[in-house]
Amino acid sequence: MEIVQRLKDIAGDFEPSAEEPELTMFGLISRYNKKYKNTELIGGEWVRENIPELADLP
């Protein structure tokens, strides 16, 4: 699924900074919304249900 791969790519490209020391679910979805049209209206719950490796993001 294209959405899953896009989210995995965003998570993989994340680099911690002083402002954002770790990737959060909010940060992941925010980055997705900036980069792609979120016509599916995915959110944190969708990620937790569909991408087990990202389900534990705070």
N, C-alpha and C. Protein backbone atom coordinates (compact mmCIF):
# COMPACT_ATOMS: atom_id res chain seq x y z
N MET A 1 0.85 -1.19 0.00
CA MET A 1 0.00 0.00 0.00
C MET A 1 0.89 1.24 0.00
N GLU A 2 0.56 2.16 -0.84
CA GLU A 2 1.37 3.36 -1.02
C GLU A 2 1.45 4.22 0.24
N ILE A 3 0.35 4.36 0.96
CA ILE A 3 0.34 5.18 2.18
C ILE A 3 1.30 4.60 3.21
N VAL A 4 1.25 3.29 3.37
CA VAL A 4 2.12 2.63 4.34
C VAL A 4 3.58 2.92 4.01
N GLN A 5 3.96 2.76 2.76
CA GLN A 5 5.35 3.00 2.38
C GLN A 5 5.74 4.45 2.58
N ARG A 6 4.85 5.36 2.25
CA ARG A 6 5.15 6.78 2.46
C ARG A 6 5.41 7.08 3.92
N LEU A 7 4.57 6.54 4.80
CA LEU A 7 4.73 6.78 6.24
C LEU A 7 6.02 6.14 6.76
N LYS A 8 6.33 4.94 6.28
CA LYS A 8 7.58 4.29 6.67
C LYS A 8 8.79 5.11 6.21
N ASP A 9 8.71 5.66 5.01
CA ASP A 9 9.79 6.50 4.49
C ASP A 9 9.96 7.76 5.33
N ILE A 10 8.86 8.38 5.70
CA ILE A 10 8.93 9.58 6.54
C ILE A 10 9.57 9.24 7.87
N ALA A 11 9.16 8.13 8.47
CA ALA A 11 9.73 7.72 9.76
C ALA A 11 11.21 7.40 9.60
N GLY A 12 11.58 6.74 8.51
CA GLY A 12 12.98 6.39 8.28
C GLY A 12 13.87 7.59 8.04
N ASP A 13 13.32 8.65 7.48
CA ASP A 13 14.09 9.86 7.17
C ASP A 13 14.17 10.82 8.35
N PHE A 14 13.42 10.55 9.41
CA PHE A 14 13.39 11.45 10.57
C PHE A 14 14.76 11.55 11.22
N GLU A 15 15.17 12.80 11.47
CA GLU A 15 16.41 13.06 12.20
C GLU A 15 16.07 13.90 13.42
N PRO A 16 16.41 13.41 14.60
CA PRO A 16 16.12 14.16 15.83
C PRO A 16 16.78 15.53 15.82
N SER A 17 16.12 16.46 16.49
CA SER A 17 16.67 17.81 16.63
C SER A 17 16.38 18.29 18.04
N ALA A 18 16.88 19.45 18.38
CA ALA A 18 16.61 20.02 19.70
C ALA A 18 15.12 20.29 19.85
N GLU A 19 14.46 20.74 18.80
CA GLU A 19 13.04 21.03 18.85
C GLU A 19 12.18 19.77 18.88
N GLU A 20 12.66 18.72 18.23
CA GLU A 20 11.91 17.47 18.14
C GLU A 20 12.88 16.29 18.34
N PRO A 21 13.12 15.94 19.60
CA PRO A 21 14.12 14.91 19.89
C PRO A 21 13.70 13.49 19.47
N GLU A 22 12.39 13.25 19.33
CA GLU A 22 11.92 11.95 18.87
C GLU A 22 10.70 12.14 17.99
N LEU A 23 10.50 11.19 17.10
CA LEU A 23 9.34 11.23 16.23
C LEU A 23 8.11 10.82 17.03
N THR A 24 7.09 11.61 16.93
CA THR A 24 5.81 11.29 17.57
C THR A 24 4.78 11.01 16.49
N MET A 25 3.67 10.45 16.90
CA MET A 25 2.59 10.19 15.94
C MET A 25 2.12 11.50 15.32
N PHE A 26 2.01 12.54 16.15
CA PHE A 26 1.61 13.85 15.65
C PHE A 26 2.62 14.34 14.60
N GLY A 27 3.90 14.20 14.90
CA GLY A 27 4.94 14.62 13.96
C GLY A 27 4.90 13.84 12.66
N LEU A 28 4.66 12.55 12.76
CA LEU A 28 4.57 11.70 11.57
C LEU A 28 3.41 12.13 10.67
N ILE A 29 2.24 12.29 11.26
CA ILE A 29 1.07 12.68 10.48
C ILE A 29 1.22 14.10 9.94
N SER A 30 1.81 14.98 10.72
CA SER A 30 2.05 16.35 10.25
C SER A 30 2.96 16.36 9.03
N ARG A 31 4.00 15.57 9.07
CA ARG A 31 4.92 15.50 7.92
C ARG A 31 4.20 14.92 6.71
N TYR A 32 3.40 13.90 6.93
CA TYR A 32 2.63 13.31 5.83
C TYR A 32 1.72 14.35 5.20
N ASN A 33 1.01 15.11 6.04
CA ASN A 33 0.08 16.12 5.54
C ASN A 33 0.80 17.23 4.77
N LYS A 34 2.01 17.55 5.16
CA LYS A 34 2.77 18.59 4.45
C LYS A 34 3.23 18.09 3.08
N LYS A 35 3.55 16.81 3.01
CA LYS A 35 4.15 16.26 1.80
C LYS A 35 3.12 15.71 0.82
N TYR A 36 2.01 15.19 1.32
CA TYR A 36 1.01 14.54 0.48
C TYR A 36 -0.39 15.04 0.82
N LYS A 37 -1.30 14.89 -0.12
CA LYS A 37 -2.70 15.19 0.16
C LYS A 37 -3.26 14.03 0.98
N ASN A 38 -3.80 14.34 2.11
CA ASN A 38 -4.34 13.30 3.00
C ASN A 38 -5.83 13.14 2.73
N THR A 39 -6.16 12.75 1.50
CA THR A 39 -7.56 12.60 1.13
C THR A 39 -8.23 11.45 1.88
N GLU A 40 -7.43 10.50 2.36
CA GLU A 40 -7.95 9.37 3.10
C GLU A 40 -8.22 9.73 4.56
N LEU A 41 -7.74 10.91 4.98
CA LEU A 41 -7.89 11.39 6.36
C LEU A 41 -7.29 10.41 7.38
N ILE A 42 -6.10 9.91 7.04
CA ILE A 42 -5.44 9.01 7.99
C ILE A 42 -4.99 9.80 9.21
N GLY A 43 -4.90 9.13 10.30
CA GLY A 43 -4.44 9.72 11.55
C GLY A 43 -3.72 8.67 12.36
N GLY A 44 -3.45 8.99 13.60
CA GLY A 44 -2.71 8.09 14.46
C GLY A 44 -3.35 6.72 14.64
N GLU A 45 -4.65 6.69 14.78
CA GLU A 45 -5.35 5.41 14.95
C GLU A 45 -5.18 4.54 13.71
N TRP A 46 -5.26 5.15 12.54
CA TRP A 46 -5.06 4.40 11.29
C TRP A 46 -3.66 3.81 11.25
N VAL A 47 -2.66 4.60 11.63
CA VAL A 47 -1.28 4.12 11.64
C VAL A 47 -1.16 2.95 12.60
N ARG A 48 -1.72 3.08 13.80
CA ARG A 48 -1.62 2.00 14.79
C ARG A 48 -2.27 0.70 14.30
N GLU A 49 -3.33 0.81 13.54
CA GLU A 49 -4.04 -0.37 13.04
C GLU A 49 -3.38 -0.99 11.81
N ASN A 50 -2.64 -0.20 11.04
CA ASN A 50 -2.13 -0.68 9.75
C ASN A 50 -0.62 -0.81 9.63
N ILE A 51 0.12 -0.21 10.56
CA ILE A 51 1.58 -0.27 10.47
C ILE A 51 2.13 -0.64 11.85
N PRO A 52 2.20 -1.93 12.14
CA PRO A 52 2.61 -2.37 13.47
C PRO A 52 3.96 -1.81 13.93
N GLU A 53 4.89 -1.63 13.01
CA GLU A 53 6.21 -1.15 13.39
C GLU A 53 6.20 0.33 13.82
N LEU A 54 5.15 1.06 13.53
CA LEU A 54 5.04 2.45 13.95
C LEU A 54 3.97 2.64 15.03
N ALA A 55 3.34 1.57 15.44
CA ALA A 55 2.21 1.65 16.38
C ALA A 55 2.61 2.17 17.76
N ASP A 56 3.87 2.05 18.12
CA ASP A 56 4.31 2.46 19.45
C ASP A 56 4.79 3.91 19.53
N LEU A 57 4.66 4.66 18.45
CA LEU A 57 5.08 6.07 18.52
C LEU A 57 4.26 6.78 19.58
N PRO A 58 4.93 7.65 20.35
CA PRO A 58 4.17 8.39 21.37
C PRO A 58 3.23 9.41 20.74
